[in-house]
Amino acid sequence: MKITRLENCEKTPVTADGALKAFRQVPIGKADGAPNFSMRVFTVEPGGHTPHHSHDSEHLNYIISGSGEVMEGDTPRKIRQGDFIFVPPSARHQYRNTGEETLVLICAVPSKYE
């Protein structure tokens, strides 16, 4: 069993093409012995965004704080603190911080995407 706090997890910049002012932390993942799922936390500063991309597996997201939009393909959809988002397999998506506060979201994915 592992119990941790987000402030104790290493924060690294998202370096994928198309990312801007986005950071990633992995509170629970493969390194902890989690064989199937990883829980990641993305922090996106105002004006920043994650890459516009897709994967062959679903993503399960929860907005911890902030607001912005998630791109569903080329369509922006508003998101804010407290929202849950299901991104289906192969769906092109991107998180954008269009607000004035930092956008922080949990992203649960199969461990191979960690």
Protein backbone atom coordinates (compact mmCIF):
# COMPACT_ATOMS: atom_id res chain seq x y z
CA MET A 1 0.00 0.00 0.00
CA LYS A 2 1.16 3.53 -0.67
CA ILE A 3 -0.11 6.76 0.84
CA THR A 4 1.31 10.00 -0.47
CA ARG A 5 0.52 13.66 -0.94
CA LEU A 6 0.75 15.56 -4.21
CA GLU A 7 3.32 18.01 -2.82
CA ASN A 8 5.64 15.04 -2.24
CA CYS A 9 5.56 13.94 -5.91
CA GLU A 10 8.14 15.13 -8.42
CA LYS A 11 6.74 17.76 -10.82
CA THR A 12 8.15 17.64 -14.35
CA PRO A 13 7.34 19.70 -17.45
CA VAL A 14 5.27 18.06 -20.16
CA THR A 15 7.74 17.95 -23.05
CA ALA A 16 5.51 16.47 -25.78
CA ASP A 17 5.12 18.56 -28.92
CA GLY A 18 2.30 21.05 -28.54
CA ALA A 19 2.46 21.36 -24.73
CA LEU A 20 2.80 24.79 -23.15
CA LYS A 21 3.13 25.63 -19.45
CA ALA A 22 1.95 22.13 -18.47
CA PHE A 23 3.45 19.92 -15.73
CA ARG A 24 2.94 16.30 -14.67
CA GLN A 25 3.13 14.38 -11.40
CA VAL A 26 2.57 10.65 -10.84
CA PRO A 27 1.32 10.01 -7.29
CA ILE A 28 0.59 6.33 -8.06
CA GLY A 29 2.03 4.37 -10.96
CA LYS A 30 4.21 1.55 -12.22
CA ALA A 31 7.09 2.47 -9.90
CA ASP A 32 4.73 1.80 -6.97
CA GLY A 33 3.82 -1.66 -8.25
CA ALA A 34 0.51 -0.61 -9.81
CA PRO A 35 0.27 -3.12 -12.68
CA ASN A 36 -2.85 -1.83 -14.44
CA PHE A 37 -3.61 1.84 -13.76
CA SER A 38 -1.66 5.00 -13.07
CA MET A 39 -2.95 8.16 -11.49
CA ARG A 40 -1.32 11.28 -12.88
CA VAL A 41 -1.91 14.92 -11.99
CA PHE A 42 -1.50 17.63 -14.60
CA THR A 43 -1.02 21.27 -13.68
CA VAL A 44 -1.60 23.78 -16.47
CA GLU A 45 -0.73 27.41 -15.89
CA PRO A 46 -2.96 30.21 -17.26
CA GLY A 47 -2.58 30.37 -21.04
CA GLY A 48 -1.07 26.88 -21.15
CA HIS A 49 -2.28 23.59 -22.58
CA THR A 50 -1.49 19.91 -22.95
CA PRO A 51 -0.73 18.45 -26.40
CA HIS A 52 -3.68 17.87 -28.77
CA HIS A 53 -3.43 14.09 -29.02
CA SER A 54 -5.17 10.72 -28.80
CA HIS A 55 -4.51 7.27 -27.30
CA ASP A 56 -5.95 3.82 -27.90
CA SER A 57 -7.32 3.71 -24.34
CA GLU A 58 -9.74 5.81 -22.34
CA HIS A 59 -8.78 8.56 -19.89
CA LEU A 60 -10.69 9.25 -16.66
CA ASN A 61 -10.24 12.83 -15.48
CA TYR A 62 -11.30 14.96 -12.52
CA ILE A 63 -10.77 18.72 -12.26
CA ILE A 64 -9.28 19.43 -8.82
CA SER A 65 -9.12 23.20 -9.28
CA GLY A 66 -9.29 25.93 -11.87
CA SER A 67 -11.22 26.16 -15.12
CA GLY A 68 -10.67 26.05 -18.83
CA GLU A 69 -11.72 23.86 -21.69
CA VAL A 70 -11.13 20.39 -23.01
CA MET A 71 -10.96 20.01 -26.76
CA GLU A 72 -13.21 17.22 -27.99
CA GLY A 73 -11.58 16.86 -31.38
CA ASP A 74 -11.78 20.44 -32.64
CA THR A 75 -14.69 21.43 -30.37
CA PRO A 76 -13.93 23.27 -27.10
CA ARG A 77 -16.02 22.25 -24.07
CA LYS A 78 -15.96 24.27 -20.83
CA ILE A 79 -14.62 22.58 -17.71
CA ARG A 80 -14.25 23.70 -14.11
CA GLN A 81 -13.46 22.50 -10.61
CA GLY A 82 -15.49 19.43 -9.68
CA ASP A 83 -16.07 18.18 -13.24
CA PHE A 84 -15.44 14.54 -14.20
CA ILE A 85 -14.45 13.89 -17.82
CA PHE A 86 -14.44 10.59 -19.71
CA VAL A 87 -12.27 10.66 -22.83
CA PRO A 88 -13.09 7.60 -24.98
CA PRO A 89 -10.37 5.52 -26.65
CA SER A 90 -8.82 7.17 -29.74
CA ALA A 91 -10.61 10.49 -29.08
CA ARG A 92 -8.44 13.50 -29.93
CA HIS A 93 -8.32 15.76 -26.85
CA GLN A 94 -6.44 18.64 -25.24
CA TYR A 95 -6.76 20.49 -21.94
CA ARG A 96 -6.48 24.28 -22.12
CA ASN A 97 -6.31 26.71 -19.24
CA THR A 98 -8.41 29.65 -20.36
CA GLY A 99 -8.90 30.91 -16.81
CA GLU A 100 -6.85 33.10 -14.52
CA GLU A 101 -6.05 30.40 -11.94
CA THR A 102 -3.93 27.27 -12.32
CA LEU A 103 -5.84 24.31 -13.77
CA VAL A 104 -5.14 21.06 -11.90
CA LEU A 105 -6.60 17.72 -12.99
CA ILE A 106 -6.31 14.04 -12.17
CA CYS A 107 -5.82 11.77 -15.15
CA ALA A 108 -6.21 8.02 -14.58
CA VAL A 109 -4.90 5.86 -17.45
CA PRO A 110 -3.57 2.37 -18.08
CA SER A 111 -0.02 2.19 -16.72
CA LYS A 112 1.49 1.87 -20.20
CA TYR A 113 0.70 5.60 -20.73
CA GLU A 114 2.47 6.72 -17.58
